[in-house]
């Protein structure tokens, strides 16, 4: 029996004593007392320089020409300080992870090189919205499209700009979450393996509420902390990007400290996530339109886009569904629906070039005469050979009356490659021009 039971009043801090980590017990109390904004401290600070968003690469002494743009591109400046620092850019880019996304620093450079303030930029493969977000910060108008509901939700979350007090107060209203009636027996066993039952009940409750109320930022925060390998995540020890399957007790390498789910309170971790996302600041007004749709059927008017900047799906090397399977489950896609989504996406090597031709025809329709299309494309490596995707796509697009301006190699440092192979890995930046 607690002190509050003796006093005959409701405990204002329910479940706090059940949270195993003192830092999150403290954050919960600070949230409810309205002190979190004063007490919160970042684990590490991002090196974010707002001046970089006000300065352009071109000036009266360095004119904006295509020749100069390609010259700037070939400097590969996003690999230099300060852009090469881990997690460069605004914290919003870290709202929720996504395998194979374009780095914010590369997006920043491409936008500055190939567009100007006020241009309308299209990313038909936006993923979690990296290009639209950087374009928005750089005072461009932007449209993002993606067929993966997880990417769309996270991108929407980055543009749902309400005050931080709104979100903290929203969580404070959750102080008396009653999960006693939440039934998790219908949750798939493979999902239950990741979470303590009490944690899972809180996730199920909050996930439904946020989806019903279309609170995309908070929903994205929840997606961002669903699974990972630190106490700030809600799952057993696993990858924060790719959720490795938890080892069962019968596994010879089973470790209780990593593989046995423990209770982790959702609300204080959500509050900490919000504080991190808002720490570098951003304008509340945006100039973005996001579409849950297919790049092969772009629902835009003809001749409207100034520049296309995107990273199309990698040529059958990344599984954009399987690697996001846990988050997709909570967004309403069970295993069967995930199979359907995988078949809809552009990632099958047999159909890849045909699908990209269909995309090219749509881009030809929506871009203005003389507009540039910038593709960041990864090579495909087989046992005995490699495929230069940029070269193959370029050849197909030249048949659609696009002109190849340049293909610039961006060597990926070995410490950034998820592979044991010591073979050099490249992204290739393909620059095309719509013939006038």
Protein backbone atom coordinates (compact mmCIF):
# COMPACT_ATOMS: atom_id res chain seq x y z
CA UNK A 1 0.00 0.00 0.00
CA UNK A 2 1.36 3.41 -0.98
CA UNK A 3 1.20 6.74 0.82
CA UNK A 4 -1.51 7.87 -1.61
CA UNK A 5 -3.65 4.85 -0.68
CA UNK A 6 -3.40 5.83 2.99
CA UNK A 7 -4.39 9.39 2.12
CA UNK A 8 -7.29 8.20 -0.02
CA UNK A 9 -6.12 10.11 -3.13
CA UNK A 10 -5.05 9.03 -6.57
CA UNK A 11 -1.33 8.52 -7.13
CA UNK A 12 -0.25 11.39 -9.47
CA UNK A 13 2.70 9.32 -10.70
CA UNK A 14 1.22 5.92 -11.62
CA UNK A 15 3.64 3.11 -12.48
CA UNK A 16 6.76 5.23 -11.90
CA UNK A 17 8.21 2.79 -9.42
CA UNK A 18 7.84 0.00 -12.01
CA UNK A 19 10.09 1.85 -14.49
CA UNK A 20 13.54 0.24 -14.05
CA UNK A 21 15.65 3.21 -15.17
CA UNK A 22 15.97 6.21 -12.79
CA UNK A 23 16.51 8.68 -15.63
CA UNK A 24 13.06 7.87 -17.06
CA UNK A 25 11.42 7.93 -13.62
CA UNK A 26 12.82 11.44 -13.24
CA UNK A 27 11.72 12.50 -16.70
CA UNK A 28 8.22 11.23 -16.00
CA UNK A 29 8.01 13.28 -12.79
CA UNK A 30 9.46 16.35 -14.49
CA UNK A 31 6.96 16.02 -17.35
CA UNK A 32 4.00 15.86 -14.97
CA UNK A 33 5.32 18.75 -12.88
CA UNK A 34 5.95 20.92 -15.95
CA UNK A 35 9.71 21.00 -15.34
CA UNK A 36 10.98 18.85 -18.18
CA UNK A 37 12.04 21.74 -20.43
CA UNK A 38 14.32 23.04 -17.66
CA UNK A 39 15.71 19.74 -16.47
CA UNK A 40 16.19 17.89 -19.75
CA UNK A 41 19.76 17.38 -20.92
CA UNK A 42 20.79 15.90 -24.25
CA UNK A 43 23.00 12.84 -24.33
CA UNK A 44 24.97 14.65 -27.02
CA UNK A 45 24.47 17.92 -28.87
CA UNK A 46 24.14 18.11 -32.62
CA UNK A 47 26.54 20.47 -34.35
CA UNK A 48 23.83 22.45 -36.10
CA UNK A 49 24.76 25.77 -37.70
CA UNK A 50 21.72 27.78 -38.82
CA UNK A 51 24.01 29.99 -40.94
CA UNK A 52 24.47 27.09 -43.34
CA UNK A 53 20.79 27.43 -44.23
CA UNK A 54 21.08 31.10 -45.04
CA UNK A 55 24.23 30.94 -47.16
CA UNK A 56 24.01 29.89 -50.81
CA UNK A 57 26.90 28.49 -52.86
CA UNK A 58 26.44 31.06 -55.62
CA UNK A 59 27.14 34.78 -55.49
CA UNK A 60 27.90 37.68 -57.78
CA UNK A 61 31.43 36.31 -58.09
CA UNK A 62 30.36 32.70 -58.72
CA UNK A 63 27.44 32.56 -61.10
CA UNK A 64 24.67 29.98 -61.10
CA UNK A 65 25.45 27.99 -64.23
CA UNK A 66 25.18 24.29 -64.99
CA UNK A 67 28.94 24.15 -65.53
CA UNK A 68 29.58 25.58 -62.07
CA UNK A 69 26.96 23.26 -60.58
CA UNK A 70 28.75 20.19 -61.89
CA UNK A 71 32.06 21.63 -60.72
CA UNK A 72 30.61 22.02 -57.20
CA UNK A 73 29.15 18.52 -57.35
CA UNK A 74 32.54 17.01 -58.18
CA UNK A 75 34.08 18.51 -55.03
CA UNK A 76 31.98 16.00 -53.01
CA UNK A 77 31.78 18.66 -50.30
CA UNK A 78 29.29 16.74 -48.18
CA UNK A 79 32.17 14.44 -47.23
CA UNK A 80 34.07 17.35 -45.65
CA UNK A 81 33.77 19.04 -42.26
CA UNK A 82 31.24 19.98 -40.90
CA UNK A 83 28.96 17.94 -43.14
CA UNK A 84 30.75 14.63 -42.51
CA UNK A 85 30.05 14.69 -38.77
CA UNK A 86 27.79 11.95 -37.50
CA UNK A 87 24.13 13.01 -37.33
CA UNK A 88 24.83 16.34 -39.08
CA UNK A 89 21.81 18.58 -39.41
CA UNK A 90 18.55 19.17 -37.66
CA UNK A 91 17.37 16.67 -35.06
CA UNK A 92 14.13 16.18 -37.02
CA UNK A 93 16.11 14.05 -39.47
CA UNK A 94 16.44 11.53 -36.61
CA UNK A 95 12.71 11.30 -35.97
CA UNK A 96 12.64 7.64 -37.01
CA UNK A 97 15.24 5.58 -38.92
CA UNK A 98 15.05 4.30 -42.47
CA UNK A 99 17.53 2.01 -44.18
CA UNK A 100 19.09 3.42 -47.35
CA UNK A 101 17.91 7.00 -46.95
CA UNK A 102 19.88 9.87 -48.44
CA UNK A 103 22.06 11.57 -45.85
CA UNK A 104 20.84 15.05 -44.83
CA UNK A 105 24.21 16.58 -45.74
CA UNK A 106 24.08 15.19 -49.29
CA UNK A 107 20.47 16.37 -49.68
CA UNK A 108 21.55 19.80 -48.43
CA UNK A 109 24.32 20.04 -51.02
CA UNK A 110 22.24 18.81 -53.94
CA UNK A 111 19.45 21.26 -53.15
CA UNK A 112 21.86 24.18 -52.88
CA UNK A 113 23.75 23.21 -56.04
CA UNK A 114 20.80 22.55 -58.33
CA UNK A 115 18.03 24.85 -57.09
CA UNK A 116 17.37 28.32 -55.77
CA UNK A 117 15.05 29.78 -53.15
CA UNK A 118 11.44 29.59 -54.28
CA UNK A 119 11.92 26.63 -56.63
CA UNK A 120 9.50 23.71 -56.48
CA UNK A 121 11.43 20.49 -55.79
CA UNK A 122 9.93 17.04 -56.26
CA UNK A 123 11.16 13.89 -54.54
CA UNK A 124 9.12 10.98 -55.96
CA UNK A 125 10.90 8.49 -53.64
CA UNK A 126 11.00 10.55 -50.46
CA UNK A 127 11.32 7.71 -47.92
CA UNK A 128 11.10 9.45 -44.53
CA UNK A 129 11.28 12.89 -46.12
CA UNK A 130 14.97 13.81 -45.99
CA UNK A 131 14.98 15.83 -49.23
CA UNK A 132 11.65 17.59 -48.55
CA UNK A 133 12.79 18.55 -45.06
CA UNK A 134 16.12 20.01 -46.21
CA UNK A 135 14.38 21.76 -49.09
CA UNK A 136 11.89 23.28 -46.66
CA UNK A 137 14.69 24.51 -44.37
CA UNK A 138 16.40 26.01 -47.43
CA UNK A 139 13.27 27.99 -48.36
CA UNK A 140 12.27 25.93 -51.37
CA UNK A 141 8.79 24.63 -52.03
CA UNK A 142 8.69 20.86 -52.02
CA UNK A 143 6.54 17.85 -52.88
CA UNK A 144 7.35 14.36 -51.62
CA UNK A 145 5.82 11.06 -52.73
CA UNK A 146 6.23 7.55 -51.34
CA UNK A 147 4.29 4.30 -51.51
CA UNK A 148 5.59 2.96 -48.18
CA UNK A 149 3.16 4.00 -45.44
CA UNK A 150 5.93 3.97 -42.82
CA UNK A 151 8.02 6.48 -44.77
CA UNK A 152 4.95 8.62 -45.43
CA UNK A 153 3.95 8.74 -41.74
CA UNK A 154 7.44 9.77 -40.60
CA UNK A 155 7.72 12.39 -43.33
CA UNK A 156 4.31 13.78 -42.29
CA UNK A 157 5.56 13.90 -38.71
CA UNK A 158 8.45 16.14 -39.73
CA UNK A 159 6.07 18.70 -41.18
CA UNK A 160 3.45 18.66 -38.43
CA UNK A 161 4.92 21.70 -36.69
CA UNK A 162 3.06 22.43 -33.47
CA UNK A 163 4.57 23.99 -30.37
CA UNK A 164 6.54 21.76 -28.03
CA UNK A 165 4.13 22.66 -25.22
CA UNK A 166 1.26 21.18 -27.23
CA UNK A 167 3.01 17.82 -27.41
CA UNK A 168 4.21 17.77 -23.81
CA UNK A 169 0.73 18.66 -22.59
CA UNK A 170 -0.70 15.92 -24.81
CA UNK A 171 1.52 13.39 -23.05
CA UNK A 172 0.68 14.80 -19.62
CA UNK A 173 -2.96 14.00 -20.34
CA UNK A 174 -1.86 10.38 -20.64
CA UNK A 175 -0.77 10.30 -16.99
CA UNK A 176 -3.58 7.94 -16.01
CA UNK A 177 -3.40 5.50 -18.91
CA UNK A 178 -5.55 2.53 -17.99
CA UNK A 179 -4.31 -0.50 -19.88
CA UNK A 180 -6.16 -3.04 -17.76
CA UNK A 181 -8.73 -3.54 -20.51
CA UNK A 182 -6.21 -3.67 -23.35
CA UNK A 183 -6.21 -7.13 -24.90
CA UNK A 184 -2.92 -8.06 -26.59
CA UNK A 185 -3.83 -11.69 -27.25
CA UNK A 186 -4.55 -10.73 -30.86
CA UNK A 187 -1.09 -9.24 -31.34
CA UNK A 188 1.10 -11.54 -33.43
CA UNK A 189 3.47 -13.73 -31.44
CA UNK A 190 6.47 -12.47 -33.39
CA UNK A 191 5.64 -8.92 -32.28
CA UNK A 192 5.02 -9.94 -28.66
CA UNK A 193 8.53 -11.40 -28.51
CA UNK A 194 10.01 -7.87 -28.64
CA UNK A 195 8.12 -6.29 -25.73
CA UNK A 196 7.17 -6.74 -22.08
CA UNK A 197 3.38 -7.28 -21.91
CA UNK A 198 2.78 -4.05 -19.92
CA UNK A 199 4.91 -2.07 -22.36
CA UNK A 200 3.10 -3.63 -25.30
CA UNK A 201 -0.28 -2.66 -23.81
CA UNK A 202 0.86 0.96 -23.53
CA UNK A 203 2.16 0.89 -27.12
CA UNK A 204 -1.12 -0.58 -28.42
CA UNK A 205 -3.17 2.02 -26.53
CA UNK A 206 -1.10 5.02 -27.62
CA UNK A 207 -0.61 3.79 -31.19
CA UNK A 208 -4.36 3.51 -31.75
CA UNK A 209 -5.04 6.90 -30.19
CA UNK A 210 -2.37 8.66 -32.26
CA UNK A 211 -3.48 7.01 -35.49
CA UNK A 212 -7.15 7.80 -34.84
CA UNK A 213 -6.34 11.43 -34.04
CA UNK A 214 -3.80 11.75 -36.90
CA UNK A 215 -1.06 13.00 -34.59
CA UNK A 216 1.71 12.26 -37.06
CA UNK A 217 4.60 13.80 -35.13
CA UNK A 218 3.84 11.86 -31.96
CA UNK A 219 3.14 8.72 -33.96
CA UNK A 220 6.54 9.11 -35.64
CA UNK A 221 8.19 9.56 -32.23
CA UNK A 222 6.59 6.29 -31.15
CA UNK A 223 7.83 4.57 -34.31
CA UNK A 224 11.30 5.97 -33.64
CA UNK A 225 11.60 4.43 -30.16
CA UNK A 226 9.84 1.11 -30.84
CA UNK A 227 12.99 -0.96 -31.02
CA UNK A 228 16.70 -0.51 -30.52
CA UNK A 229 19.70 -1.33 -28.36
CA UNK A 230 19.60 1.28 -25.58
CA UNK A 231 17.32 1.90 -22.57
CA UNK A 232 15.59 4.71 -24.47
CA UNK A 233 13.93 2.15 -26.74
CA UNK A 234 10.90 0.05 -25.81
CA UNK A 235 11.99 -3.39 -27.00
CA UNK A 236 14.46 -6.05 -26.04
CA UNK A 237 17.99 -5.48 -27.30
CA UNK A 238 17.84 -5.36 -31.12
CA UNK A 239 18.72 -3.07 -34.01
CA UNK A 240 17.19 0.40 -34.11
CA UNK A 241 17.03 0.26 -37.93
CA UNK A 242 16.68 -3.45 -38.64
CA UNK A 243 14.86 -5.38 -35.86
CA UNK A 244 16.77 -8.63 -35.46
CA UNK A 245 14.50 -11.36 -34.12
CA UNK A 246 14.86 -11.82 -30.33
CA UNK A 247 16.52 -15.08 -29.31
CA UNK A 248 14.22 -17.52 -27.51
CA UNK A 249 15.16 -19.07 -24.15
CA UNK A 250 16.04 -22.28 -25.95
CA UNK A 251 18.69 -20.53 -28.07
CA UNK A 252 22.26 -21.49 -27.03
CA UNK A 253 23.28 -17.81 -27.01
CA UNK A 254 20.22 -16.57 -25.14
CA UNK A 255 21.06 -13.72 -22.74
CA UNK A 256 18.43 -12.62 -20.18
CA UNK A 257 19.93 -9.12 -20.01
CA UNK A 258 19.32 -8.65 -23.75
CA UNK A 259 16.68 -11.12 -24.87
CA UNK A 260 14.20 -11.07 -22.00
CA UNK A 261 11.71 -8.16 -22.33
CA UNK A 262 11.58 -5.79 -19.35
CA UNK A 263 8.96 -3.19 -18.60
CA UNK A 264 9.80 0.18 -20.15
CA UNK A 265 7.35 3.05 -19.71
CA UNK A 266 6.30 4.60 -23.01
CA UNK A 267 5.34 8.13 -21.94
CA UNK A 268 8.67 9.33 -20.43
CA UNK A 269 10.56 7.94 -23.43
CA UNK A 270 8.18 9.74 -25.76
CA UNK A 271 8.73 12.95 -23.79
CA UNK A 272 12.51 12.56 -24.08
CA UNK A 273 12.16 11.94 -27.82
CA UNK A 274 10.15 15.15 -28.24
CA UNK A 275 12.75 17.16 -26.34
CA UNK A 276 15.53 15.87 -28.59
CA UNK A 277 13.61 16.56 -31.79
CA UNK A 278 12.94 20.17 -30.77
CA UNK A 279 16.43 20.89 -29.43
CA UNK A 280 17.88 22.38 -32.64
CA UNK A 281 14.75 24.37 -33.44
CA UNK A 282 12.93 24.87 -36.73
CA UNK A 283 10.32 27.19 -38.24
CA UNK A 284 6.73 26.19 -37.53
CA UNK A 285 5.58 27.27 -41.00
CA UNK A 286 6.29 24.89 -43.87
CA UNK A 287 6.06 24.83 -47.67
CA UNK A 288 5.65 21.12 -48.25
CA UNK A 289 3.07 18.78 -49.72
CA UNK A 290 3.42 15.06 -49.03
CA UNK A 291 1.61 12.32 -50.94
CA UNK A 292 1.12 8.64 -50.12
CA UNK A 293 1.32 7.48 -53.69
CA UNK A 294 3.19 5.84 -56.54
CA UNK A 295 5.98 7.51 -58.53
CA UNK A 296 4.68 5.58 -61.54
CA UNK A 297 1.39 7.50 -61.29
CA UNK A 298 2.26 11.02 -60.18
CA UNK A 299 -0.85 13.01 -59.35
CA UNK A 300 0.52 16.41 -60.35
CA UNK A 301 -0.21 18.81 -63.19
CA UNK A 302 2.01 18.94 -66.27
CA UNK A 303 5.03 21.26 -66.42
CA UNK A 304 5.04 22.29 -62.75
CA UNK A 305 8.30 21.00 -61.25
CA UNK A 306 11.55 23.00 -61.32
CA UNK A 307 13.93 20.29 -60.06
CA UNK A 308 13.71 16.59 -59.17
CA UNK A 309 16.08 15.39 -56.44
CA UNK A 310 15.75 11.85 -55.09
CA UNK A 311 17.32 8.54 -54.25
CA UNK A 312 15.33 5.86 -56.11
CA UNK A 313 15.05 2.39 -54.53
CA UNK A 314 18.23 0.40 -54.65
CA UNK A 315 18.30 -2.26 -57.34
CA UNK A 316 17.03 -5.27 -55.33
CA UNK A 317 19.61 -4.78 -52.57
CA UNK A 318 17.43 -3.34 -49.76
CA UNK A 319 14.19 -4.78 -48.39
CA UNK A 320 12.18 -1.66 -47.56
CA UNK A 321 9.37 -3.78 -46.10
CA UNK A 322 11.17 -6.49 -44.16
CA UNK A 323 13.56 -4.03 -42.55
CA UNK A 324 10.60 -1.97 -41.32
CA UNK A 325 8.37 -4.93 -40.47
CA UNK A 326 7.78 -4.09 -36.79
CA UNK A 327 6.89 -0.46 -37.44
CA UNK A 328 4.71 -1.39 -40.42
CA UNK A 329 2.83 -3.84 -38.19
CA UNK A 330 1.83 -1.05 -35.81
CA UNK A 331 0.77 1.05 -38.80
CA UNK A 332 -1.77 -1.60 -39.76
CA UNK A 333 0.19 -3.91 -42.05
CA UNK A 334 0.31 -7.50 -40.87
CA UNK A 335 2.56 -10.04 -42.55
CA UNK A 336 0.10 -10.64 -45.41
CA UNK A 337 -0.30 -6.93 -46.13
CA UNK A 338 3.46 -6.48 -45.96
CA UNK A 339 3.85 -9.11 -48.67
CA UNK A 340 1.38 -7.15 -50.80
CA UNK A 341 3.29 -3.90 -50.21
CA UNK A 342 6.58 -5.52 -51.15
CA UNK A 343 5.08 -6.57 -54.48
CA UNK A 344 3.89 -3.01 -55.13
CA UNK A 345 7.22 -1.31 -54.47
CA UNK A 346 9.95 -0.77 -57.06
CA UNK A 347 12.67 -3.15 -55.90
CA UNK A 348 12.35 -6.34 -57.95
CA UNK A 349 15.43 -6.67 -60.17
CA UNK A 350 13.38 -8.29 -62.95
CA UNK A 351 11.11 -5.26 -63.31
CA UNK A 352 13.35 -2.50 -61.98
CA UNK A 353 14.35 -0.82 -65.24
CA UNK A 354 10.84 -1.14 -66.70
CA UNK A 355 9.43 0.48 -63.56
CA UNK A 356 12.02 3.25 -63.72
CA UNK A 357 11.08 3.90 -67.36
CA UNK A 358 7.46 4.32 -66.25
CA UNK A 359 8.65 6.77 -63.59
CA UNK A 360 10.67 8.59 -66.24
CA UNK A 361 7.61 9.06 -68.43
CA UNK A 362 5.76 10.61 -65.49
CA UNK A 363 8.70 12.87 -64.68
CA UNK A 364 8.86 13.93 -68.32
CA UNK A 365 5.26 15.07 -68.00
CA UNK A 366 5.46 16.98 -64.71
CA UNK A 367 8.83 18.75 -65.04
CA UNK A 368 9.34 21.98 -66.92
CA UNK A 369 11.41 22.20 -70.10
CA UNK A 370 15.09 22.43 -69.22
CA UNK A 371 14.54 21.14 -65.68
CA UNK A 372 17.14 18.94 -64.01
CA UNK A 373 16.61 15.49 -62.54
CA UNK A 374 19.12 14.35 -59.92
CA UNK A 375 19.19 10.65 -59.03
CA UNK A 376 21.39 9.20 -56.28
CA UNK A 377 21.79 5.55 -57.26
CA UNK A 378 23.67 2.70 -55.65
CA UNK A 379 25.67 0.08 -57.52
CA UNK A 380 24.55 -3.55 -57.34
CA UNK A 381 27.25 -6.05 -56.43
CA UNK A 382 27.02 -9.70 -57.38
CA UNK A 383 29.57 -12.42 -56.68
CA UNK A 384 31.33 -12.08 -60.03
CA UNK A 385 30.22 -8.69 -61.32
CA UNK A 386 28.71 -5.32 -60.44
CA UNK A 387 25.93 -3.30 -62.04
CA UNK A 388 26.33 0.44 -62.52
CA UNK A 389 22.70 1.38 -61.94
CA UNK A 390 23.24 5.03 -62.84
CA UNK A 391 24.60 4.11 -66.26
CA UNK A 392 21.72 1.74 -66.98
CA UNK A 393 19.06 4.24 -65.86
CA UNK A 394 20.74 7.01 -67.85
CA UNK A 395 20.66 4.95 -71.04
CA UNK A 396 16.94 4.30 -70.61
CA UNK A 397 16.19 7.96 -69.83
CA UNK A 398 18.08 9.20 -72.86
CA UNK A 399 15.58 7.22 -74.90
CA UNK A 400 12.88 9.35 -73.21
CA UNK A 401 14.61 12.51 -74.48
CA UNK A 402 16.53 13.38 -71.32
CA UNK A 403 20.13 14.49 -71.73
CA UNK A 404 22.84 13.04 -69.49
CA UNK A 405 24.83 15.92 -68.01
CA UNK A 406 27.09 14.01 -65.63
CA UNK A 407 27.54 10.94 -63.46
CA UNK A 408 29.58 11.81 -60.36
CA UNK A 409 30.94 9.09 -58.07
CA UNK A 410 30.47 9.38 -54.31
CA UNK A 411 32.67 6.76 -52.65
CA UNK A 412 31.12 5.50 -49.44
CA UNK A 413 33.66 5.17 -46.59
CA UNK A 414 34.11 1.54 -45.52
CA UNK A 415 33.01 2.36 -41.97
CA UNK A 416 29.64 3.42 -43.41
CA UNK A 417 29.10 0.18 -45.34
CA UNK A 418 27.11 -2.67 -43.79
CA UNK A 419 29.23 -5.36 -45.39
CA UNK A 420 32.33 -7.42 -44.66
CA UNK A 421 33.55 -6.97 -48.21
CA UNK A 422 36.48 -4.60 -48.71
CA UNK A 423 35.36 -3.80 -52.25
CA UNK A 424 34.89 -0.08 -52.80
CA UNK A 425 31.24 0.99 -52.67
CA UNK A 426 29.84 3.94 -54.59
CA UNK A 427 26.72 5.96 -54.80
CA UNK A 428 26.58 7.57 -58.22
CA UNK A 429 24.89 10.93 -58.72
CA UNK A 430 23.22 11.02 -62.10
CA UNK A 431 22.35 14.47 -63.45
CA UNK A 432 19.84 14.56 -66.32
CA UNK A 433 18.26 17.47 -68.15
CA UNK A 434 14.81 17.54 -69.68
CA UNK A 435 15.34 18.54 -73.29
CA UNK A 436 13.68 21.83 -74.22
